Amino acid sequence: MTDLEFMDRAEKLLLAIEERCDHINETTDADLDSQRSGGMVTITFTNRSQIVINLQKPLHEIWMAAQSGGYHYKFDGSAWKDTKRSAEFFADLSRDASAQSGLPLQFTA
């Protein structure tokens, strides 16, 4: 993947996260605060815990830090997959956001 392809795919992922946070806020009581700063999105929950998603441009990876740990994702041609467990990014984000909010939250691609 070229740098340009990475940035295009990564930008789409960050935009999808922001849009999903907005949708969750409109349809649930989760009250997520999502802040974007360049290549990083921080999601803050009502209990003040956070999930931070950021771009690692030189590695062509997306990193996510949550209460459950830190994860690295690479695009495999169809989805962003964890480099150690092969778990899909949005499934992990849904799991961690649900755990940290105490509500069943779904993030989708």
PDB file of N, CA and C in Angstrom:
ATOM      1  N   MET A   1       0.844  -1.174   0.000  1.00  0.00           N
ATOM      2  CA  MET A   1       0.000   0.000   0.000  1.00  0.00           C
ATOM      3  C   MET A   1       0.892   1.240   0.000  1.00  0.00           C
ATOM      4  N   THR A   2       0.547   2.191  -0.824  1.00  0.00           N
ATOM      5  CA  THR A   2       1.318   3.424  -0.864  1.00  0.00           C
ATOM      6  C   THR A   2       0.905   4.333   0.296  1.00  0.00           C
ATOM      7  N   ASP A   3       1.705   5.357   0.549  1.00  0.00           N
ATOM      8  CA  ASP A   3       1.365   6.320   1.598  1.00  0.00           C
ATOM      9  C   ASP A   3       0.026   6.988   1.300  1.00  0.00           C
ATOM     10  N   LEU A   4      -0.206   7.322   0.048  1.00  0.00           N
ATOM     11  CA  LEU A   4      -1.456   7.973  -0.342  1.00  0.00           C
ATOM     12  C   LEU A   4      -2.655   7.050  -0.119  1.00  0.00           C
ATOM     13  N   GLU A   5      -2.515   5.779  -0.478  1.00  0.00           N
ATOM     14  CA  GLU A   5      -3.596   4.811  -0.255  1.00  0.00           C
ATOM     15  C   GLU A   5      -3.869   4.646   1.234  1.00  0.00           C
ATOM     16  N   PHE A   6      -2.806   4.566   2.032  1.00  0.00           N
ATOM     17  CA  PHE A   6      -2.980   4.458   3.484  1.00  0.00           C
ATOM     18  C   PHE A   6      -3.762   5.657   4.010  1.00  0.00           C
ATOM     19  N   MET A   7      -3.346   6.854   3.629  1.00  0.00           N
ATOM     20  CA  MET A   7      -4.008   8.061   4.147  1.00  0.00           C
ATOM     21  C   MET A   7      -5.470   8.112   3.719  1.00  0.00           C
ATOM     22  N   ASP A   8      -5.769   7.680   2.501  1.00  0.00           N
ATOM     23  CA  ASP A   8      -7.152   7.666   2.030  1.00  0.00           C
ATOM     24  C   ASP A   8      -7.992   6.697   2.862  1.00  0.00           C
ATOM     25  N   ARG A   9      -7.501   5.486   3.065  1.00  0.00           N
ATOM     26  CA  ARG A   9      -8.234   4.485   3.842  1.00  0.00           C
ATOM     27  C   ARG A   9      -8.328   4.886   5.318  1.00  0.00           C
ATOM     28  N   ALA A  10      -7.253   5.415   5.858  1.00  0.00           N
ATOM     29  CA  ALA A  10      -7.231   5.814   7.267  1.00  0.00           C
ATOM     30  C   ALA A  10      -8.185   6.988   7.514  1.00  0.00           C
ATOM     31  N   GLU A  11      -8.226   7.931   6.604  1.00  0.00           N
ATOM     32  CA  GLU A  11      -9.145   9.074   6.730  1.00  0.00           C
ATOM     33  C   GLU A  11     -10.592   8.592   6.716  1.00  0.00           C
ATOM     34  N   LYS A  12     -10.898   7.637   5.858  1.00  0.00           N
ATOM     35  CA  LYS A  12     -12.253   7.076   5.818  1.00  0.00           C
ATOM     36  C   LYS A  12     -12.600   6.399   7.140  1.00  0.00           C
ATOM     37  N   LEU A  13     -11.636   5.709   7.734  1.00  0.00           N
ATOM     38  CA  LEU A  13     -11.869   5.053   9.025  1.00  0.00           C
ATOM     39  C   LEU A  13     -12.147   6.092  10.120  1.00  0.00           C
ATOM     40  N   LEU A  14     -11.334   7.137  10.196  1.00  0.00           N
ATOM     41  CA  LEU A  14     -11.539   8.160  11.227  1.00  0.00           C
ATOM     42  C   LEU A  14     -12.875   8.870  11.028  1.00  0.00           C
ATOM     43  N   LEU A  15     -13.242   9.144   9.789  1.00  0.00           N
ATOM     44  CA  LEU A  15     -14.529   9.777   9.514  1.00  0.00           C
ATOM     45  C   LEU A  15     -15.682   8.859   9.924  1.00  0.00           C
ATOM     46  N   ALA A  16     -15.560   7.574   9.652  1.00  0.00           N
ATOM     47  CA  ALA A  16     -16.597   6.608  10.037  1.00  0.00           C
ATOM     48  C   ALA A  16     -16.764   6.572  11.557  1.00  0.00           C
ATOM     49  N   ILE A  17     -15.665   6.661  12.286  1.00  0.00           N
ATOM     50  CA  ILE A  17     -15.737   6.680  13.751  1.00  0.00           C
ATOM     51  C   ILE A  17     -16.491   7.921  14.225  1.00  0.00           C
ATOM     52  N   GLU A  18     -16.132   9.081  13.679  1.00  0.00           N
ATOM     53  CA  GLU A  18     -16.806  10.325  14.068  1.00  0.00           C
ATOM     54  C   GLU A  18     -18.302  10.276  13.748  1.00  0.00           C
ATOM     55  N   GLU A  19     -18.644   9.789  12.568  1.00  0.00           N
ATOM     56  CA  GLU A  19     -20.049   9.708  12.176  1.00  0.00           C
ATOM     57  C   GLU A  19     -20.809   8.736  13.074  1.00  0.00           C
ATOM     58  N   ARG A  20     -20.178   7.632  13.416  1.00  0.00           N
ATOM     59  CA  ARG A  20     -20.842   6.646  14.275  1.00  0.00           C
ATOM     60  C   ARG A  20     -21.036   7.203  15.682  1.00  0.00           C
ATOM     61  N   CYS A  21     -20.066   7.952  16.194  1.00  0.00           N
ATOM     62  CA  CYS A  21     -20.231   8.593  17.505  1.00  0.00           C
ATOM     63  C   CYS A  21     -21.430   9.526  17.482  1.00  0.00           C
ATOM     64  N   ASP A  22     -21.562  10.311  16.413  1.00  0.00           N
ATOM     65  CA  ASP A  22     -22.711  11.215  16.281  1.00  0.00           C
ATOM     66  C   ASP A  22     -24.016  10.424  16.273  1.00  0.00           C
ATOM     67  N   HIS A  23     -24.050   9.342  15.511  1.00  0.00           N
ATOM     68  CA  HIS A  23     -25.257   8.510  15.437  1.00  0.00           C
ATOM     69  C   HIS A  23     -25.590   7.899  16.804  1.00  0.00           C
ATOM     70  N   ILE A  24     -24.585   7.403  17.490  1.00  0.00           N
ATOM     71  CA  ILE A  24     -24.802   6.817  18.819  1.00  0.00           C
ATOM     72  C   ILE A  24     -25.374   7.869  19.769  1.00  0.00           C
ATOM     73  N   ASN A  25     -24.845   9.087  19.702  1.00  0.00           N
ATOM     74  CA  ASN A  25     -25.354  10.157  20.559  1.00  0.00           C
ATOM     75  C   ASN A  25     -26.801  10.512  20.245  1.00  0.00           C
ATOM     76  N   GLU A  26     -27.186  10.411  18.980  1.00  0.00           N
ATOM     77  CA  GLU A  26     -28.556  10.729  18.578  1.00  0.00           C
ATOM     78  C   GLU A  26     -29.546   9.636  18.944  1.00  0.00           C
ATOM     79  N   THR A  27     -29.075   8.393  19.076  1.00  0.00           N
ATOM     80  CA  THR A  27     -30.004   7.268  19.236  1.00  0.00           C
ATOM     81  C   THR A  27     -29.895   6.533  20.569  1.00  0.00           C
ATOM     82  N   THR A  28     -28.927   6.912  21.414  1.00  0.00           N
ATOM     83  CA  THR A  28     -28.770   6.246  22.711  1.00  0.00           C
ATOM     84  C   THR A  28     -28.514   7.290  23.799  1.00  0.00           C
ATOM     85  N   ASP A  29     -28.386   6.820  25.015  1.00  0.00           N
ATOM     86  CA  ASP A  29     -28.040   7.683  26.142  1.00  0.00           C
ATOM     87  C   ASP A  29     -26.546   7.665  26.443  1.00  0.00           C
ATOM     88  N   ALA A  30     -25.731   7.229  25.508  1.00  0.00           N
ATOM     89  CA  ALA A  30     -24.299   7.056  25.764  1.00  0.00           C
ATOM     90  C   ALA A  30     -23.573   8.375  26.007  1.00  0.00           C
ATOM     91  N   ASP A  31     -23.943   9.450  25.338  1.00  0.00           N
ATOM     92  CA  ASP A  31     -23.315  10.764  25.499  1.00  0.00           C
ATOM     93  C   ASP A  31     -21.795  10.702  25.304  1.00  0.00           C
ATOM     94  N   LEU A  32     -21.388  10.260  24.117  1.00  0.00           N
ATOM     95  CA  LEU A  32     -19.970  10.192  23.768  1.00  0.00           C
ATOM     96  C   LEU A  32     -19.471  11.568  23.369  1.00  0.00           C
ATOM     97  N   ASP A  33     -18.260  11.894  23.772  1.00  0.00           N
ATOM     98  CA  ASP A  33     -17.609  13.121  23.328  1.00  0.00           C
ATOM     99  C   ASP A  33     -16.446  12.705  22.443  1.00  0.00           C
ATOM    100  N   SER A  34     -16.574  12.927  21.133  1.00  0.00           N
ATOM    101  CA  SER A  34     -15.477  12.571  20.226  1.00  0.00           C
ATOM    102  C   SER A  34     -14.806  13.853  19.765  1.00  0.00           C
ATOM    103  N   GLN A  35     -13.496  13.862  19.885  1.00  0.00           N
ATOM    104  CA  GLN A  35     -12.679  15.003  19.489  1.00  0.00           C
ATOM    105  C   GLN A  35     -11.660  14.541  18.457  1.00  0.00           C
ATOM    106  N   ARG A  36     -11.550  15.311  17.383  1.00  0.00           N
ATOM    107  CA  ARG A  36     -10.586  14.983  16.332  1.00  0.00           C
ATOM    108  C   ARG A  36      -9.481  16.016  16.341  1.00  0.00           C
ATOM    109  N   SER A  37      -8.253  15.546  16.321  1.00  0.00           N
ATOM    110  CA  SER A  37      -7.095  16.422  16.208  1.00  0.00           C
ATOM    111  C   SER A  37      -6.136  15.781  15.212  1.00  0.00           C
ATOM    112  N   GLY A  38      -6.136  16.286  13.993  1.00  0.00           N
ATOM    113  CA  GLY A  38      -5.285  15.714  12.956  1.00  0.00           C
ATOM    114  C   GLY A  38      -5.615  14.255  12.716  1.00  0.00           C
ATOM    115  N   GLY A  39      -4.636  13.388  12.896  1.00  0.00           N
ATOM    116  CA  GLY A  39      -4.803  11.960  12.682  1.00  0.00           C
ATOM    117  C   GLY A  39      -5.168  11.205  13.939  1.00  0.00           C
ATOM    118  N   MET A  40      -5.875  11.856  14.854  1.00  0.00           N
ATOM    119  CA  MET A  40      -6.233  11.200  16.111  1.00  0.00           C
ATOM    120  C   MET A  40      -7.674  11.536  16.484  1.00  0.00           C
ATOM    121  N   VAL A  41      -8.416  10.516  16.929  1.00  0.00           N
ATOM    122  CA  VAL A  41      -9.761  10.695  17.469  1.00  0.00           C
ATOM    123  C   VAL A  41      -9.743  10.185  18.905  1.00  0.00           C
ATOM    124  N   THR A  42     -10.231  11.019  19.815  1.00  0.00           N
ATOM    125  CA  THR A  42     -10.364  10.636  21.210  1.00  0.00           C
ATOM    126  C   THR A  42     -11.846  10.574  21.548  1.00  0.00           C
ATOM    127  N   ILE A  43     -12.288   9.428  22.039  1.00  0.00           N
ATOM    128  CA  ILE A  43     -13.671   9.253  22.471  1.00  0.00           C
ATOM    129  C   ILE A  43     -13.665   9.234  23.991  1.00  0.00           C
ATOM    130  N   THR A  44     -14.391  10.164  24.593  1.00  0.00           N
ATOM    131  CA  THR A  44     -14.478  10.242  26.046  1.00  0.00           C
ATOM    132  C   THR A  44     -15.893   9.861  26.467  1.00  0.00           C
ATOM    133  N   PHE A  45     -15.970   9.002  27.474  1.00  0.00           N
ATOM    134  CA  PHE A  45     -17.246   8.501  27.977  1.00  0.00           C
ATOM    135  C   PHE A  45     -17.658   9.278  29.228  1.00  0.00           C
ATOM    136  N   THR A  46     -18.905   9.131  29.651  1.00  0.00           N
ATOM    137  CA  THR A  46     -19.408   9.892  30.798  1.00  0.00           C
ATOM    138  C   THR A  46     -18.633   9.588  32.077  1.00  0.00           C
ATOM    139  N   ASN A  47     -18.032   8.410  32.171  1.00  0.00           N
ATOM    140  CA  ASN A  47     -17.232   8.062  33.349  1.00  0.00           C
ATOM    141  C   ASN A  47     -15.798   8.577  33.247  1.00  0.00           C
ATOM    142  N   ARG A  48     -15.534   9.395  32.214  1.00  0.00           N
ATOM    143  CA  ARG A  48     -14.247  10.037  31.937  1.00  0.00           C
ATOM    144  C   ARG A  48     -13.180   9.104  31.371  1.00  0.00           C
ATOM    145  N   SER A  49     -13.509   7.838  31.146  1.00  0.00           N
ATOM    146  CA  SER A  49     -12.555   6.952  30.481  1.00  0.00           C
ATOM    147  C   SER A  49     -12.512   7.334  29.003  1.00  0.00           C
ATOM    148  N   GLN A  50     -11.449   6.923  28.334  1.00  0.00           N
ATOM    149  CA  GLN A  50     -11.252   7.302  26.942  1.00  0.00           C
ATOM    150  C   GLN A  50     -10.797   6.121  26.092  1.00  0.00           C
ATOM    151  N   ILE A  51     -11.087   6.244  24.810  1.00  0.00           N
ATOM    152  CA  ILE A  51     -10.486   5.406  23.781  1.00  0.00           C
ATOM    153  C   ILE A  51      -9.819   6.374  22.808  1.00  0.00           C
ATOM    154  N   VAL A  52      -8.550   6.116  22.492  1.00  0.00           N
ATOM    155  CA  VAL A  52      -7.807   6.973  21.580  1.00  0.00           C
ATOM    156  C   VAL A  52      -7.416   6.156  20.353  1.00  0.00           C
ATOM    157  N   ILE A  53      -7.769   6.670  19.179  1.00  0.00           N
ATOM    158  CA  ILE A  53      -7.422   6.043  17.912  1.00  0.00           C
ATOM    159  C   ILE A  53      -6.525   7.013  17.159  1.00  0.00           C
ATOM    160  N   ASN A  54      -5.354   6.537  16.733  1.00  0.00           N
ATOM    161  CA  ASN A  54      -4.469   7.439  15.992  1.00  0.00           C
ATOM    162  C   ASN A  54      -3.753   6.710  14.858  1.00  0.00           C
ATOM    163  N   LEU A  55      -3.322   7.521  13.894  1.00  0.00           N
ATOM    164  CA  LEU A  55      -2.623   7.001  12.726  1.00  0.00           C
ATOM    165  C   LEU A  55      -1.137   6.872  13.013  1.00  0.00           C
ATOM    166  N   GLN A  56      -0.562   5.795  12.561  1.00  0.00           N
ATOM    167  CA  GLN A  56       0.882   5.605  12.586  1.00  0.00           C
ATOM    168  C   GLN A  56       1.321   5.540  11.125  1.00  0.00           C
ATOM    169  N   LYS A  57       1.500   6.716  10.534  1.00  0.00           N
ATOM    170  CA  LYS A  57       1.749   6.829   9.094  1.00  0.00           C
ATOM    171  C   LYS A  57       2.955   6.032   8.610  1.00  0.00           C
ATOM    172  N   PRO A  58       4.121   6.103   9.287  1.00  0.00           N
ATOM    173  CA  PRO A  58       5.282   5.366   8.759  1.00  0.00           C
ATOM    174  C   PRO A  58       5.058   3.852   8.702  1.00  0.00           C
ATOM    175  N   LEU A  59       4.220   3.341   9.603  1.00  0.00           N
ATOM    176  CA  LEU A  59       3.966   1.902   9.665  1.00  0.00           C
ATOM    177  C   LEU A  59       2.727   1.483   8.883  1.00  0.00           C
ATOM    178  N   HIS A  60       1.961   2.462   8.391  1.00  0.00           N
ATOM    179  CA  HIS A  60       0.677   2.195   7.733  1.00  0.00           C
ATOM    180  C   HIS A  60      -0.248   1.426   8.669  1.00  0.00           C
ATOM    181  N   GLU A  61      -0.304   1.866   9.923  1.00  0.00           N
ATOM    182  CA  GLU A  61      -1.142   1.227  10.927  1.00  0.00           C
ATOM    183  C   GLU A  61      -2.062   2.237  11.599  1.00  0.00           C
ATOM    184  N   ILE A  62      -3.138   1.703  12.158  1.00  0.00           N
ATOM    185  CA  ILE A  62      -4.034   2.440  13.042  1.00  0.00           C
ATOM    186  C   ILE A  62      -3.819   1.849  14.423  1.00  0.00           C
ATOM    187  N   TRP A  63      -3.619   2.701  15.418  1.00  0.00           N
ATOM    188  CA  TRP A  63      -3.443   2.221  16.792  1.00  0.00           C
ATOM    189  C   TRP A  63      -4.644   2.647  17.614  1.00  0.00           C
ATOM    190  N   MET A  64      -5.073   1.757  18.491  1.00  0.00           N
ATOM    191  CA  MET A  64      -6.167   2.056  19.405  1.00  0.00           C
ATOM    192  C   MET A  64      -5.726   1.752  20.830  1.00  0.00           C
ATOM    193  N   ALA A  65      -5.954   2.716  21.722  1.00  0.00           N
ATOM    194  CA  ALA A  65      -5.673   2.535  23.148  1.00  0.00           C
ATOM    195  C   ALA A  65      -7.000   2.617  23.888  1.00  0.00           C
ATOM    196  N   ALA A  66      -7.298   1.577  24.667  1.00  0.00           N
ATOM    197  CA  ALA A  66      -8.529   1.502  25.451  1.00  0.00           C
ATOM    198  C   ALA A  66      -8.175   0.953  26.828  1.00  0.00           C
ATOM    199  N   GLN A  67      -9.159   0.889  27.720  1.00  0.00           N
ATOM    200  CA  GLN A  67      -8.888   0.336  29.045  1.00  0.00           C
ATOM    201  C   GLN A  67      -8.407  -1.112  28.957  1.00  0.00           C
ATOM    202  N   SER A  68      -8.846  -1.831  27.934  1.00  0.00           N
ATOM    203  CA  SER A  68      -8.461  -3.243  27.800  1.00  0.00           C
ATOM    204  C   SER A  68      -7.045  -3.430  27.273  1.00  0.00           C
ATOM    205  N   GLY A  69      -6.443  -2.366  26.717  1.00  0.00           N
ATOM    206  CA  GLY A  69      -5.074  -2.484  26.211  1.00  0.00           C
ATOM    207  C   GLY A  69      -4.853  -1.654  24.964  1.00  0.00           C
ATOM    208  N   GLY A  70      -3.706  -1.879  24.340  1.00  0.00           N
ATOM    209  CA  GLY A  70      -3.336  -1.184  23.112  1.00  0.00           C
ATOM    210  C   GLY A  70      -3.323  -2.161  21.953  1.00  0.00           C
ATOM    211  N   TYR A  71      -3.798  -1.711  20.794  1.00  0.00           N
ATOM    212  CA  TYR A  71      -3.946  -2.584  19.637  1.00  0.00           C
ATOM    213  C   TYR A  71      -3.437  -1.880  18.386  1.00  0.00           C
ATOM    214  N   HIS A  72      -2.871  -2.671  17.476  1.00  0.00           N
ATOM    215  CA  HIS A  72      -2.346  -2.159  16.208  1.00  0.00           C
ATOM    216  C   HIS A  72      -3.094  -2.858  15.080  1.00  0.00           C
ATOM    217  N   TYR A  73      -3.520  -2.079  14.076  1.00  0.00           N
ATOM    218  CA  TYR A  73      -4.312  -2.616  12.966  1.00  0.00           C
ATOM    219  C   TYR A  73      -3.675  -2.244  11.633  1.00  0.00           C
ATOM    220  N   LYS A  74      -3.658  -3.221  10.721  1.00  0.00           N
ATOM    221  CA  LYS A  74      -3.204  -3.011   9.343  1.00  0.00           C
ATOM    222  C   LYS A  74      -4.354  -3.376   8.418  1.00  0.00           C
ATOM    223  N   PHE A  75      -4.417  -2.687   7.289  1.00  0.00           N
ATOM    224  CA  PHE A  75      -5.447  -2.990   6.298  1.00  0.00           C
ATOM    225  C   PHE A  75      -5.024  -4.228   5.518  1.00  0.00           C
ATOM    226  N   ASP A  76      -5.900  -5.246   5.482  1.00  0.00           N
ATOM    227  CA  ASP A  76      -5.542  -6.512   4.829  1.00  0.00           C
ATOM    228  C   ASP A  76      -6.111  -6.649   3.420  1.00  0.00           C
ATOM    229  N   GLY A  77      -6.623  -5.560   2.877  1.00  0.00           N
ATOM    230  CA  GLY A  77      -7.236  -5.616   1.553  1.00  0.00           C
ATOM    231  C   GLY A  77      -8.744  -5.504   1.618  1.00  0.00           C
ATOM    232  N   SER A  78      -9.319  -5.858   2.775  1.00  0.00           N
ATOM    233  CA  SER A  78     -10.769  -5.736   2.929  1.00  0.00           C
ATOM    234  C   SER A  78     -11.179  -5.105   4.252  1.00  0.00           C
ATOM    235  N   ALA A  79     -10.333  -5.203   5.281  1.00  0.00           N
ATOM    236  CA  ALA A  79     -10.675  -4.654   6.602  1.00  0.00           C
ATOM    237  C   ALA A  79      -9.402  -4.355   7.379  1.00  0.00           C
ATOM    238  N   TRP A  80      -9.546  -3.526   8.425  1.00  0.00           N
ATOM    239  CA  TRP A  80      -8.438  -3.243   9.343  1.00  0.00           C
ATOM    240  C   TRP A  80      -8.398  -4.366  10.367  1.00  0.00           C
ATOM    241  N   LYS A  81      -7.286  -5.125  10.384  1.00  0.00           N
ATOM    242  CA  LYS A  81      -7.164  -6.285  11.264  1.00  0.00           C
ATOM    243  C   LYS A  81      -6.030  -6.083  12.257  1.00  0.00           C
ATOM    244  N   ASP A  82      -6.252  -6.562  13.482  1.00  0.00           N
ATOM    245  CA  ASP A  82      -5.243  -6.507  14.537  1.00  0.00           C
ATOM    246  C   ASP A  82      -4.029  -7.321  14.090  1.00  0.00           C
ATOM    247  N   THR A  83      -2.847  -6.768  14.289  1.00  0.00           N
ATOM    248  CA  THR A  83      -1.632  -7.420  13.803  1.00  0.00           C
ATOM    249  C   THR A  83      -1.257  -8.662  14.606  1.00  0.00           C
ATOM    250  N   LYS A  84      -1.821  -8.845  15.796  1.00  0.00           N
ATOM    251  CA  LYS A  84      -1.496 -10.022  16.605  1.00  0.00           C
ATOM    252  C   LYS A  84      -2.630 -11.041  16.650  1.00  0.00           C
ATOM    253  N   ARG A  85      -3.876 -10.558  16.699  1.00  0.00           N
ATOM    254  CA  ARG A  85      -5.006 -11.457  16.891  1.00  0.00           C
ATOM    255  C   ARG A  85      -5.880 -11.618  15.666  1.00  0.00           C
ATOM    256  N   SER A  86      -5.680 -10.811  14.644  1.00  0.00           N
ATOM    257  CA  SER A  86      -6.499 -10.811  13.423  1.00  0.00           C
ATOM    258  C   SER A  86      -7.943 -10.376  13.669  1.00  0.00           C
ATOM    259  N   ALA A  87      -8.227  -9.766  14.822  1.00  0.00           N
ATOM    260  CA  ALA A  87      -9.568  -9.248  15.096  1.00  0.00           C
ATOM    261  C   ALA A  87      -9.789  -7.996  14.258  1.00  0.00           C
ATOM    262  N   GLU A  88     -11.032  -7.744  13.889  1.00  0.00           N
ATOM    263  CA  GLU A  88     -11.390  -6.599  13.058  1.00  0.00           C
ATOM    264  C   GLU A  88     -11.535  -5.341  13.916  1.00  0.00           C
ATOM    265  N   PHE A  89     -11.084  -4.203  13.400  1.00  0.00           N
ATOM    266  CA  PHE A  89     -11.045  -2.951  14.150  1.00  0.00           C
ATOM    267  C   PHE A  89     -12.404  -2.564  14.737  1.00  0.00           C
ATOM    268  N   PHE A  90     -13.450  -2.504  13.911  1.00  0.00           N
ATOM    269  CA  PHE A  90     -14.740  -2.034  14.398  1.00  0.00           C
ATOM    270  C   PHE A  90     -15.359  -2.985  15.419  1.00  0.00           C
ATOM    271  N   ALA A  91     -15.072  -4.277  15.312  1.00  0.00           N
ATOM    272  CA  ALA A  91     -15.538  -5.227  16.332  1.00  0.00           C
ATOM    273  C   ALA A  91     -14.858  -4.934  17.670  1.00  0.00           C
ATOM    274  N   ASP A  92     -13.549  -4.671  17.629  1.00  0.00           N
ATOM    275  CA  ASP A  92     -12.823  -4.335  18.863  1.00  0.00           C
ATOM    276  C   ASP A  92     -13.298  -3.006  19.435  1.00  0.00           C
ATOM    277  N   LEU A  93     -13.507  -2.016  18.577  1.00  0.00           N
ATOM    278  CA  LEU A  93     -13.980  -0.718  19.059  1.00  0.00           C
ATOM    279  C   LEU A  93     -15.359  -0.857  19.692  1.00  0.00           C
ATOM    280  N   SER A  94     -16.237  -1.645  19.089  1.00  0.00           N
ATOM    281  CA  SER A  94     -17.570  -1.882  19.666  1.00  0.00           C
ATOM    282  C   SER A  94     -17.454  -2.548  21.028  1.00  0.00           C
ATOM    283  N   ARG A  95     -16.589  -3.544  21.138  1.00  0.00           N
ATOM    284  CA  ARG A  95     -16.386  -4.256  22.405  1.00  0.00           C
ATOM    285  C   ARG A  95     -15.902  -3.303  23.487  1.00  0.00           C
ATOM    286  N   ASP A  96     -14.867  -2.526  23.182  1.00  0.00           N
ATOM    287  CA  ASP A  96     -14.281  -1.647  24.196  1.00  0.00           C
ATOM    288  C   ASP A  96     -15.189  -0.470  24.528  1.00  0.00           C
ATOM    289  N   ALA A  97     -15.859   0.107  23.533  1.00  0.00           N
ATOM    290  CA  ALA A  97     -16.785   1.210  23.804  1.00  0.00           C
ATOM    291  C   ALA A  97     -17.955   0.726  24.656  1.00  0.00           C
ATOM    292  N   SER A  98     -18.431  -0.470  24.392  1.00  0.00           N
ATOM    293  CA  SER A  98     -19.520  -1.037  25.202  1.00  0.00           C
ATOM    294  C   SER A  98     -19.067  -1.248  26.638  1.00  0.00           C
ATOM    295  N   ALA A  99     -17.877  -1.798  26.801  1.00  0.00           N
ATOM    296  CA  ALA A  99     -17.351  -2.055  28.148  1.00  0.00           C
ATOM    297  C   ALA A  99     -17.148  -0.748  28.913  1.00  0.00           C
ATOM    298  N   GLN A 100     -16.611   0.262  28.251  1.00  0.00           N
ATOM    299  CA  GLN A 100     -16.295   1.509  28.930  1.00  0.00           C
ATOM    300  C   GLN A 100     -17.530   2.373  29.169  1.00  0.00           C
ATOM    301  N   SER A 101     -18.559   2.237  28.350  1.00  0.00           N
ATOM    302  CA  SER A 101     -19.771   3.036  28.527  1.00  0.00           C
ATOM    303  C   SER A 101     -20.800   2.326  29.397  1.00  0.00           C
ATOM    304  N   GLY A 102     -20.715   1.000  29.461  1.00  0.00           N
ATOM    305  CA  GLY A 102     -21.728   0.235  30.174  1.00  0.00           C
ATOM    306  C   GLY A 102     -22.998   0.047  29.361  1.00  0.00           C
ATOM    307  N   LEU A 103     -22.949   0.380  28.071  1.00  0.00           N
ATOM    308  CA  LEU A 103     -24.091   0.236  27.161  1.00  0.00           C
ATOM    309  C   LEU A 103     -23.665  -0.577  25.946  1.00  0.00           C
ATOM    310  N   PRO A 104     -24.594  -1.295  25.325  1.00  0.00           N
ATOM    311  CA  PRO A 104     -24.237  -2.041  24.113  1.00  0.00           C
ATOM    312  C   PRO A 104     -24.118  -1.089  22.920  1.00  0.00           C
ATOM    313  N   LEU A 105     -22.902  -0.746  22.531  1.00  0.00           N
ATOM    314  CA  LEU A 105     -22.667   0.192  21.435  1.00  0.00           C
ATOM    315  C   LEU A 105     -22.095  -0.556  20.237  1.00  0.00           C
ATOM    316  N   GLN A 106     -22.566  -0.185  19.048  1.00  0.00           N
ATOM    317  CA  GLN A 106     -22.092  -0.817  17.819  1.00  0.00           C
ATOM    318  C   GLN A 106     -21.443   0.211  16.898  1.00  0.00           C
ATOM    319  N   PHE A 107     -20.201  -0.037  16.579  1.00  0.00           N
ATOM    320  CA  PHE A 107     -19.487   0.736  15.561  1.00  0.00           C
ATOM    321  C   PHE A 107     -19.380  -0.171  14.348  1.00  0.00           C
ATOM    322  N   THR A 108     -19.665   0.378  13.183  1.00  0.00           N
ATOM    323  CA  THR A 108     -19.587  -0.403  11.954  1.00  0.00           C
ATOM    324  C   THR A 108     -18.759   0.343  10.930  1.00  0.00           C
ATOM    325  N   ALA A 109     -18.276  -0.384   9.960  1.00  0.00           N
ATOM    326  CA  ALA A 109     -17.454   0.212   8.905  1.00  0.00           C
ATOM    327  C   ALA A 109     -18.280   1.127   8.037  1.00  0.00           C
TER     328      ALA A 109
END
